[in-house]
Amino acid sequence: MFMDISSHHNKNIKHIKSLALKNNREKYNEFVIEGIRMVKEALQSNAKIKAVALSNSFYSNERNRAFINLCSQSYYKLFNIPDNLFAEISQTESPQGVLAVLSIKSHSLEDVNFKHSPFIVYCDAIQDPGNMGTIVRTADAAGADAVILSKGCVDIYNPKSVRSTMGSLFHLPVIKSEDINQTFSFFKERELSIISGHLSDAEYHFEIDMRQGLVIVIGNEANGVSKQVVEMSNHLVKIPIVGHAESLNVGIASGILMYEVVRQRKKG
């Protein structure tokens, strides 16, 4: 049963609005997703949904009845909100009239299934939310076993990051690493090859054997891979640039490196 809410002062409205801020997401261990596709992904995964909110116009449109019935099948809070109030709690310019509040699912390195030849993506201080979301989405598409975020990374639960993942956030573990030495010792103990993107003094990415267990390191947009990570890497790799561009966008570069793993492993 959907609860009708019309007041700006309603505690549920205030709570949803508060989750636009990182410190509140961390305080409540919750974040917001928006749009039919994202909410469907969450409903069909193991995501822990706390509440679903629909705008009046979305709720009253008969074409959305199947989706509304899907939302009504579980035991979380359901809100029906006037369009102008929904626009206030939405983080998108043109809201579809659908959002959900989810609990943040914590993962650790011990949760990763280190099967034969694991494939890990490590993000080293990625700052742009769109790049972060793209990397997670690409890692999901390329079959990575996990994405690990260094201490300096942008919040993966930033609304723009979440949107950019296009639901891939629900498909693979995304792990926050607070201690770089502990994390890389963990990799070394499991004999994973550390392969870091680099602009100079590096081999071409297609010259490295990526069929074994490995970690692909994606560096910061402005500064690349940190010196500390470079020193712990087994291989430094670069992507050939034959035109006049100085460098590639980090999201594009990460995709090229990840799909080299796919290419080599598919080839055998």
C-alpha atoms as a PDB file:
ATOM      1  CA  MET A   1       0.000   0.000   0.000  1.00  0.00           C
ATOM      2  CA  PHE A   2       1.406   3.368  -1.052  1.00  0.00           C
ATOM      3  CA  MET A   3       1.452   6.141   1.527  1.00  0.00           C
ATOM      4  CA  ASP A   4       0.448   9.582   0.212  1.00  0.00           C
ATOM      5  CA  ILE A   5       2.888  12.315   1.229  1.00  0.00           C
ATOM      6  CA  SER A   6       2.303  15.979   0.404  1.00  0.00           C
ATOM      7  CA  SER A   7       4.277  17.898   3.030  1.00  0.00           C
ATOM      8  CA  HIS A   8       7.823  19.222   2.628  1.00  0.00           C
ATOM      9  CA  HIS A   9       8.218  18.670   6.362  1.00  0.00           C
ATOM     10  CA  ASN A  10       7.456  14.944   6.276  1.00  0.00           C
ATOM     11  CA  LYS A  11      10.314  13.023   7.936  1.00  0.00           C
ATOM     12  CA  ASN A  12      10.604  10.608   5.000  1.00  0.00           C
ATOM     13  CA  ILE A  13      10.973  13.475   2.535  1.00  0.00           C
ATOM     14  CA  LYS A  14      13.602  15.121   4.716  1.00  0.00           C
ATOM     15  CA  HIS A  15      15.495  11.848   4.989  1.00  0.00           C
ATOM     16  CA  ILE A  16      15.559  11.215   1.233  1.00  0.00           C
ATOM     17  CA  LYS A  17      16.758  14.777   0.595  1.00  0.00           C
ATOM     18  CA  SER A  18      19.494  14.378   3.210  1.00  0.00           C
ATOM     19  CA  LEU A  19      21.013  11.466   1.283  1.00  0.00           C
ATOM     20  CA  ALA A  20      22.207  13.854  -1.426  1.00  0.00           C
ATOM     21  CA  LEU A  21      25.119  14.563   0.955  1.00  0.00           C
ATOM     22  CA  LYS A  22      28.001  12.106   1.377  1.00  0.00           C
ATOM     23  CA  ASN A  23      28.209  12.490   5.158  1.00  0.00           C
ATOM     24  CA  ASN A  24      24.523  11.562   5.478  1.00  0.00           C
ATOM     25  CA  ARG A  25      24.939   8.567   3.165  1.00  0.00           C
ATOM     26  CA  GLU A  26      27.736   7.389   5.445  1.00  0.00           C
ATOM     27  CA  LYS A  27      25.787   8.223   8.607  1.00  0.00           C
ATOM     28  CA  TYR A  28      22.706   6.239   7.597  1.00  0.00           C
ATOM     29  CA  ASN A  29      24.528   3.718   5.360  1.00  0.00           C
ATOM     30  CA  GLU A  30      21.984   4.426   2.624  1.00  0.00           C
ATOM     31  CA  PHE A  31      21.874   5.917  -0.867  1.00  0.00           C
ATOM     32  CA  VAL A  32      19.325   6.834  -3.531  1.00  0.00           C
ATOM     33  CA  ILE A  33      18.817   5.436  -7.029  1.00  0.00           C
ATOM     34  CA  GLU A  34      16.521   6.902  -9.680  1.00  0.00           C
ATOM     35  CA  GLY A  35      14.733   5.779 -12.814  1.00  0.00           C
ATOM     36  CA  ILE A  36      12.725   2.730 -13.845  1.00  0.00           C
ATOM     37  CA  ARG A  37      15.715   0.762 -15.113  1.00  0.00           C
ATOM     38  CA  MET A  38      17.824   1.286 -11.998  1.00  0.00           C
ATOM     39  CA  VAL A  39      14.989   0.463  -9.615  1.00  0.00           C
ATOM     40  CA  LYS A  40      14.140  -2.672 -11.630  1.00  0.00           C
ATOM     41  CA  GLU A  41      17.784  -3.754 -11.417  1.00  0.00           C
ATOM     42  CA  ALA A  42      17.666  -3.296  -7.663  1.00  0.00           C
ATOM     43  CA  LEU A  43      14.381  -5.188  -7.349  1.00  0.00           C
ATOM     44  CA  GLN A  44      15.777  -8.108  -9.353  1.00  0.00           C
ATOM     45  CA  SER A  45      19.068  -8.257  -7.432  1.00  0.00           C
ATOM     46  CA  ASN A  46      19.926  -8.809  -3.795  1.00  0.00           C
ATOM     47  CA  ALA A  47      19.852  -5.075  -3.082  1.00  0.00           C
ATOM     48  CA  LYS A  48      18.253  -4.183   0.235  1.00  0.00           C
ATOM     49  CA  ILE A  49      15.562  -1.642  -0.617  1.00  0.00           C
ATOM     50  CA  LYS A  50      14.306   0.525   2.237  1.00  0.00           C
ATOM     51  CA  ALA A  51      11.713   2.601   0.351  1.00  0.00           C
ATOM     52  CA  VAL A  52      10.326   3.317  -3.119  1.00  0.00           C
ATOM     53  CA  ALA A  53       8.851   6.720  -3.993  1.00  0.00           C
ATOM     54  CA  LEU A  54       6.745   7.492  -7.064  1.00  0.00           C
ATOM     55  CA  SER A  55       5.465  10.817  -8.341  1.00  0.00           C
ATOM     56  CA  ASN A  56       1.690  11.302  -8.614  1.00  0.00           C
ATOM     57  CA  SER A  57       1.826  11.436 -12.412  1.00  0.00           C
ATOM     58  CA  PHE A  58       3.838   8.218 -12.619  1.00  0.00           C
ATOM     59  CA  TYR A  59       1.572   6.457 -10.130  1.00  0.00           C
ATOM     60  CA  SER A  60      -1.609   7.482 -11.936  1.00  0.00           C
ATOM     61  CA  ASN A  61      -0.387   6.443 -15.397  1.00  0.00           C
ATOM     62  CA  GLU A  62      -1.901   3.052 -16.274  1.00  0.00           C
ATOM     63  CA  ARG A  63       1.052   2.231 -18.516  1.00  0.00           C
ATOM     64  CA  ASN A  64       3.144   1.967 -15.356  1.00  0.00           C
ATOM     65  CA  ARG A  65       0.825  -0.446 -13.581  1.00  0.00           C
ATOM     66  CA  ALA A  66       3.019  -3.530 -14.082  1.00  0.00           C
ATOM     67  CA  PHE A  67       6.022  -1.727 -12.595  1.00  0.00           C
ATOM     68  CA  ILE A  68       3.925  -0.407  -9.689  1.00  0.00           C
ATOM     69  CA  ASN A  69       2.668  -3.935  -8.984  1.00  0.00           C
ATOM     70  CA  LEU A  70       6.261  -5.184  -9.023  1.00  0.00           C
ATOM     71  CA  CYS A  71       7.185  -2.540  -6.450  1.00  0.00           C
ATOM     72  CA  SER A  72       4.245  -3.560  -4.277  1.00  0.00           C
ATOM     73  CA  GLN A  73       5.369  -7.172  -3.835  1.00  0.00           C
ATOM     74  CA  SER A  74       7.895  -6.612  -1.022  1.00  0.00           C
ATOM     75  CA  TYR A  75       7.957  -5.207   2.488  1.00  0.00           C
ATOM     76  CA  TYR A  76       9.542  -1.793   2.177  1.00  0.00           C
ATOM     77  CA  LYS A  77       7.986   1.635   2.463  1.00  0.00           C
ATOM     78  CA  LEU A  78       6.022   2.898  -0.552  1.00  0.00           C
ATOM     79  CA  PHE A  79       5.391   6.604  -1.102  1.00  0.00           C
ATOM     80  CA  ASN A  80       3.186   8.487  -3.554  1.00  0.00           C
ATOM     81  CA  ILE A  81       4.413  12.093  -3.856  1.00  0.00           C
ATOM     82  CA  PRO A  82       3.158  15.183  -5.741  1.00  0.00           C
ATOM     83  CA  ASP A  83       5.245  15.955  -8.829  1.00  0.00           C
ATOM     84  CA  ASN A  84       6.590  19.256  -7.485  1.00  0.00           C
ATOM     85  CA  LEU A  85       7.700  17.604  -4.239  1.00  0.00           C
ATOM     86  CA  PHE A  86       9.250  14.695  -6.135  1.00  0.00           C
ATOM     87  CA  ALA A  87      11.270  17.182  -8.190  1.00  0.00           C
ATOM     88  CA  GLU A  88      12.709  18.556  -4.940  1.00  0.00           C
ATOM     89  CA  ILE A  89      14.024  15.192  -3.767  1.00  0.00           C
ATOM     90  CA  SER A  90      15.221  14.082  -7.199  1.00  0.00           C
ATOM     91  CA  GLN A  91      18.877  14.534  -8.181  1.00  0.00           C
ATOM     92  CA  THR A  92      18.191  14.473 -11.942  1.00  0.00           C
ATOM     93  CA  GLU A  93      17.204  17.324 -14.261  1.00  0.00           C
ATOM     94  CA  SER A  94      14.312  15.403 -15.819  1.00  0.00           C
ATOM     95  CA  PRO A  95      13.114  12.872 -13.234  1.00  0.00           C
ATOM     96  CA  GLN A  96      11.115   9.863 -14.420  1.00  0.00           C
ATOM     97  CA  GLY A  97       9.076   9.912 -11.227  1.00  0.00           C
ATOM     98  CA  VAL A  98      10.704   6.814  -9.685  1.00  0.00           C
ATOM     99  CA  LEU A  99      13.338   6.570  -6.971  1.00  0.00           C
ATOM    100  CA  ALA A 100      14.355   4.168  -4.241  1.00  0.00           C
ATOM    101  CA  VAL A 101      16.358   4.298  -1.018  1.00  0.00           C
ATOM    102  CA  LEU A 102      18.779   1.397  -0.580  1.00  0.00           C
ATOM    103  CA  SER A 103      21.054   0.186   2.177  1.00  0.00           C
ATOM    104  CA  ILE A 104      24.733   0.287   1.243  1.00  0.00           C
ATOM    105  CA  LYS A 105      25.983  -3.281   0.999  1.00  0.00           C
ATOM    106  CA  SER A 106      29.467  -3.537   2.486  1.00  0.00           C
ATOM    107  CA  HIS A 107      32.015  -5.839   0.861  1.00  0.00           C
ATOM    108  CA  SER A 108      35.541  -6.850   1.848  1.00  0.00           C
ATOM    109  CA  LEU A 109      38.383  -8.557   0.003  1.00  0.00           C
ATOM    110  CA  GLU A 110      37.466 -11.788   1.761  1.00  0.00           C
ATOM    111  CA  ASP A 111      34.096 -11.710  -0.037  1.00  0.00           C
ATOM    112  CA  VAL A 112      35.751 -12.027  -3.453  1.00  0.00           C
ATOM    113  CA  ASN A 113      35.769 -15.479  -4.999  1.00  0.00           C
ATOM    114  CA  PHE A 114      39.450 -15.911  -5.824  1.00  0.00           C
ATOM    115  CA  LYS A 115      38.833 -18.648  -8.322  1.00  0.00           C
ATOM    116  CA  HIS A 116      41.303 -19.644 -11.022  1.00  0.00           C
ATOM    117  CA  SER A 117      42.739 -16.509 -12.665  1.00  0.00           C
ATOM    118  CA  PRO A 118      40.761 -13.837 -10.789  1.00  0.00           C
ATOM    119  CA  PHE A 119      40.353 -10.472 -12.498  1.00  0.00           C
ATOM    120  CA  ILE A 120      40.302  -7.428 -10.191  1.00  0.00           C
ATOM    121  CA  VAL A 121      40.048  -3.725 -11.104  1.00  0.00           C
ATOM    122  CA  TYR A 122      41.726  -1.289  -8.706  1.00  0.00           C
ATOM    123  CA  CYS A 123      40.832   2.418  -8.928  1.00  0.00           C
ATOM    124  CA  ASP A 124      43.639   4.654  -7.714  1.00  0.00           C
ATOM    125  CA  ALA A 125      42.130   8.009  -6.645  1.00  0.00           C
ATOM    126  CA  ILE A 126      39.554   8.317  -9.434  1.00  0.00           C
ATOM    127  CA  GLN A 127      37.903  11.716  -8.907  1.00  0.00           C
ATOM    128  CA  ASP A 128      35.193  12.137 -11.529  1.00  0.00           C
ATOM    129  CA  PRO A 129      31.828  10.512 -10.660  1.00  0.00           C
ATOM    130  CA  GLY A 130      31.058   9.788 -14.315  1.00  0.00           C
ATOM    131  CA  ASN A 131      34.408   8.068 -14.811  1.00  0.00           C
ATOM    132  CA  MET A 132      33.890   6.043 -11.666  1.00  0.00           C
ATOM    133  CA  GLY A 133      30.492   4.828 -12.792  1.00  0.00           C
ATOM    134  CA  THR A 134      31.829   4.009 -16.257  1.00  0.00           C
ATOM    135  CA  ILE A 135      34.681   1.945 -14.804  1.00  0.00           C
ATOM    136  CA  VAL A 136      32.287  -0.087 -12.638  1.00  0.00           C
ATOM    137  CA  ARG A 137      29.918  -0.622 -15.566  1.00  0.00           C
ATOM    138  CA  THR A 138      32.778  -1.691 -17.852  1.00  0.00           C
ATOM    139  CA  ALA A 139      34.245  -3.998 -15.202  1.00  0.00           C
ATOM    140  CA  ASP A 140      30.844  -5.672 -14.922  1.00  0.00           C
ATOM    141  CA  ALA A 141      30.601  -6.072 -18.703  1.00  0.00           C
ATOM    142  CA  ALA A 142      34.156  -7.452 -18.928  1.00  0.00           C
ATOM    143  CA  GLY A 143      33.510 -10.057 -16.243  1.00  0.00           C
ATOM    144  CA  ALA A 144      35.726  -8.642 -13.504  1.00  0.00           C
ATOM    145  CA  ASP A 145      35.381 -10.304 -10.116  1.00  0.00           C
ATOM    146  CA  ALA A 146      35.495  -7.057  -8.119  1.00  0.00           C
ATOM    147  CA  VAL A 147      36.269  -3.337  -8.252  1.00  0.00           C
ATOM    148  CA  ILE A 148      38.398  -1.940  -5.447  1.00  0.00           C
ATOM    149  CA  LEU A 149      38.433   1.773  -4.623  1.00  0.00           C
ATOM    150  CA  SER A 150      41.430   3.442  -3.034  1.00  0.00           C
ATOM    151  CA  LYS A 151      41.030   5.895  -0.170  1.00  0.00           C
ATOM    152  CA  GLY A 152      41.163   8.929  -2.489  1.00  0.00           C
ATOM    153  CA  CYS A 153      38.362   7.867  -4.837  1.00  0.00           C
ATOM    154  CA  VAL A 154      35.121   9.758  -5.315  1.00  0.00           C
ATOM    155  CA  ASP A 155      32.152   8.285  -3.465  1.00  0.00           C
ATOM    156  CA  ILE A 156      30.703   5.469  -5.580  1.00  0.00           C
ATOM    157  CA  TYR A 157      27.282   6.316  -4.078  1.00  0.00           C
ATOM    158  CA  ASN A 158      27.425   9.864  -5.425  1.00  0.00           C
ATOM    159  CA  PRO A 159      24.202  10.255  -7.498  1.00  0.00           C
ATOM    160  CA  LYS A 160      26.142  10.784 -10.748  1.00  0.00           C
ATOM    161  CA  SER A 161      28.380   7.767 -10.082  1.00  0.00           C
ATOM    162  CA  VAL A 162      25.349   5.614  -9.328  1.00  0.00           C
ATOM    163  CA  ARG A 163      23.601   6.710 -12.544  1.00  0.00           C
ATOM    164  CA  SER A 164      26.730   6.067 -14.590  1.00  0.00           C
ATOM    165  CA  THR A 165      26.973   2.465 -13.376  1.00  0.00           C
ATOM    166  CA  MET A 166      23.620   1.761 -15.102  1.00  0.00           C
ATOM    167  CA  GLY A 167      22.826  -0.919 -12.518  1.00  0.00           C
ATOM    168  CA  SER A 168      26.223  -2.649 -12.577  1.00  0.00           C
ATOM    169  CA  LEU A 169      26.689  -1.528  -8.977  1.00  0.00           C
ATOM    170  CA  PHE A 170      24.378  -4.431  -8.059  1.00  0.00           C
ATOM    171  CA  HIS A 171      26.246  -7.059 -10.089  1.00  0.00           C
ATOM    172  CA  LEU A 172      29.752  -7.219  -8.610  1.00  0.00           C
ATOM    173  CA  PRO A 173      31.461  -6.348  -5.317  1.00  0.00           C
ATOM    174  CA  VAL A 174      32.690  -2.759  -5.040  1.00  0.00           C
ATOM    175  CA  ILE A 175      35.159  -2.641  -2.151  1.00  0.00           C
ATOM    176  CA  LYS A 176      36.622   0.381  -0.381  1.00  0.00           C
ATOM    177  CA  SER A 177      40.307  -0.009   0.470  1.00  0.00           C
ATOM    178  CA  GLU A 178      41.488   2.054   3.437  1.00  0.00           C
ATOM    179  CA  ASP A 179      45.016   0.607   3.630  1.00  0.00           C
ATOM    180  CA  ILE A 180      46.944   0.410   0.363  1.00  0.00           C
ATOM    181  CA  ASN A 181      49.776  -1.705   1.812  1.00  0.00           C
ATOM    182  CA  GLN A 182      47.377  -4.239   3.275  1.00  0.00           C
ATOM    183  CA  THR A 183      45.435  -4.430   0.015  1.00  0.00           C
ATOM    184  CA  PHE A 184      48.482  -4.985  -2.175  1.00  0.00           C
ATOM    185  CA  SER A 185      49.930  -7.512   0.271  1.00  0.00           C
ATOM    186  CA  PHE A 186      46.636  -9.364  -0.117  1.00  0.00           C
ATOM    187  CA  PHE A 187      47.144  -9.350  -3.906  1.00  0.00           C
ATOM    188  CA  LYS A 188      50.742 -10.529  -3.633  1.00  0.00           C
ATOM    189  CA  GLU A 189      49.842 -13.362  -1.254  1.00  0.00           C
ATOM    190  CA  ARG A 190      47.452 -14.665  -3.897  1.00  0.00           C
ATOM    191  CA  GLU A 191      50.091 -14.283  -6.620  1.00  0.00           C
ATOM    192  CA  LEU A 192      48.090 -11.748  -8.604  1.00  0.00           C
ATOM    193  CA  SER A 193      50.006  -9.800 -11.228  1.00  0.00           C
ATOM    194  CA  ILE A 194      49.663  -6.027 -10.714  1.00  0.00           C
ATOM    195  CA  ILE A 195      49.298  -4.267 -14.077  1.00  0.00           C
ATOM    196  CA  SER A 196      49.169  -0.477 -13.948  1.00  0.00           C
ATOM    197  CA  GLY A 197      48.330   1.953 -16.719  1.00  0.00           C
ATOM    198  CA  HIS A 198      51.235   4.341 -17.279  1.00  0.00           C
ATOM    199  CA  LEU A 199      52.263   6.961 -19.847  1.00  0.00           C
ATOM    200  CA  SER A 200      55.996   6.384 -20.037  1.00  0.00           C
ATOM    201  CA  ASP A 201      58.610   3.668 -19.519  1.00  0.00           C
ATOM    202  CA  ALA A 202      55.916   1.103 -20.170  1.00  0.00           C
ATOM    203  CA  GLU A 203      55.130  -1.821 -22.433  1.00  0.00           C
ATOM    204  CA  TYR A 204      52.121  -1.792 -24.712  1.00  0.00           C
ATOM    205  CA  HIS A 205      49.104  -3.331 -23.013  1.00  0.00           C
ATOM    206  CA  PHE A 206      48.746  -6.082 -25.620  1.00  0.00           C
ATOM    207  CA  GLU A 207      52.320  -7.280 -25.001  1.00  0.00           C
ATOM    208  CA  ILE A 208      51.521  -8.464 -21.458  1.00  0.00           C
ATOM    209  CA  ASP A 209      50.088 -11.906 -20.670  1.00  0.00           C
ATOM    210  CA  MET A 210      46.755 -11.196 -18.996  1.00  0.00           C
ATOM    211  CA  ARG A 211      45.493 -14.750 -18.807  1.00  0.00           C
ATOM    212  CA  GLN A 212      46.756 -15.293 -15.266  1.00  0.00           C
ATOM    213  CA  GLY A 213      45.219 -13.845 -12.105  1.00  0.00           C
ATOM    214  CA  LEU A 214      45.681 -10.103 -12.189  1.00  0.00           C
ATOM    215  CA  VAL A 215      44.795  -6.654 -10.951  1.00  0.00           C
ATOM    216  CA  ILE A 216      44.302  -3.860 -13.504  1.00  0.00           C
ATOM    217  CA  VAL A 217      45.123  -0.521 -11.871  1.00  0.00           C
ATOM    218  CA  ILE A 218      43.365   2.589 -13.210  1.00  0.00           C
ATOM    219  CA  GLY A 219      45.058   5.838 -12.241  1.00  0.00           C
ATOM    220  CA  ASN A 220      43.864   9.304 -11.295  1.00  0.00           C
ATOM    221  CA  GLU A 221      42.639  11.539 -14.133  1.00  0.00           C
ATOM    222  CA  ALA A 222      45.286  14.219 -13.635  1.00  0.00           C
ATOM    223  CA  ASN A 223      48.223  12.406 -12.045  1.00  0.00           C
ATOM    224  CA  GLY A 224      47.907   8.816 -13.192  1.00  0.00           C
ATOM    225  CA  VAL A 225      48.841   5.879 -10.976  1.00  0.00           C
ATOM    226  CA  SER A 226      50.451   6.942  -7.696  1.00  0.00           C
ATOM    227  CA  LYS A 227      54.183   6.423  -7.183  1.00  0.00           C
ATOM    228  CA  GLN A 228      53.503   3.980  -4.358  1.00  0.00           C
ATOM    229  CA  VAL A 229      51.351   1.770  -6.589  1.00  0.00           C
ATOM    230  CA  VAL A 230      53.829   2.020  -9.470  1.00  0.00           C
ATOM    231  CA  GLU A 231      56.552   0.666  -7.184  1.00  0.00           C
ATOM    232  CA  MET A 232      54.344  -2.294  -6.219  1.00  0.00           C
ATOM    233  CA  SER A 233      53.355  -3.110  -9.819  1.00  0.00           C
ATOM    234  CA  ASN A 234      54.629  -6.078 -11.797  1.00  0.00           C
ATOM    235  CA  HIS A 235      54.012  -4.388 -15.140  1.00  0.00           C
ATOM    236  CA  LEU A 236      53.493  -0.826 -16.353  1.00  0.00           C
ATOM    237  CA  VAL A 237      51.469  -0.674 -19.564  1.00  0.00           C
ATOM    238  CA  LYS A 238      50.530   2.049 -22.011  1.00  0.00           C
ATOM    239  CA  ILE A 239      47.953   2.294 -24.775  1.00  0.00           C
ATOM    240  CA  PRO A 240      49.391   3.398 -28.127  1.00  0.00           C
ATOM    241  CA  ILE A 241      48.308   6.863 -29.260  1.00  0.00           C
ATOM    242  CA  VAL A 242      48.913   7.338 -32.980  1.00  0.00           C
ATOM    243  CA  GLY A 243      47.110  10.656 -33.419  1.00  0.00           C
ATOM    244  CA  HIS A 244      47.734  14.032 -31.829  1.00  0.00           C
ATOM    245  CA  ALA A 245      45.719  13.587 -28.610  1.00  0.00           C
ATOM    246  CA  GLU A 246      47.862  13.849 -25.510  1.00  0.00           C
ATOM    247  CA  SER A 247      46.003  11.133 -23.620  1.00  0.00           C
ATOM    248  CA  LEU A 248      42.766   9.171 -23.340  1.00  0.00           C
ATOM    249  CA  ASN A 249      39.872   9.731 -20.972  1.00  0.00           C
ATOM    250  CA  VAL A 250      40.364   7.419 -17.995  1.00  0.00           C
ATOM    251  CA  GLY A 251      37.017   5.698 -18.560  1.00  0.00           C
ATOM    252  CA  ILE A 252      37.956   4.895 -22.178  1.00  0.00           C
ATOM    253  CA  ALA A 253      41.471   3.791 -21.196  1.00  0.00           C
ATOM    254  CA  SER A 254      40.102   1.494 -18.502  1.00  0.00           C
ATOM    255  CA  GLY A 255      37.790  -0.138 -21.042  1.00  0.00           C
ATOM    256  CA  ILE A 256      40.667  -0.804 -23.450  1.00  0.00           C
ATOM    257  CA  LEU A 257      42.743  -2.435 -20.698  1.00  0.00           C
ATOM    258  CA  MET A 258      39.859  -4.514 -19.371  1.00  0.00           C
ATOM    259  CA  TYR A 259      38.853  -5.753 -22.787  1.00  0.00           C
ATOM    260  CA  GLU A 260      42.423  -6.794 -23.513  1.00  0.00           C
ATOM    261  CA  VAL A 261      41.931  -9.209 -20.613  1.00  0.00           C
ATOM    262  CA  VAL A 262      38.719 -10.424 -22.264  1.00  0.00           C
ATOM    263  CA  ARG A 263      40.392 -10.751 -25.680  1.00  0.00           C
ATOM    264  CA  GLN A 264      43.317 -12.776 -24.409  1.00  0.00           C
ATOM    265  CA  ARG A 265      41.204 -15.080 -22.267  1.00  0.00           C
ATOM    266  CA  LYS A 266      38.669 -15.690 -25.024  1.00  0.00           C
ATOM    267  CA  LYS A 267      41.518 -16.463 -27.409  1.00  0.00           C
ATOM    268  CA  GLY A 268      42.840 -18.978 -24.925  1.00  0.00           C
END
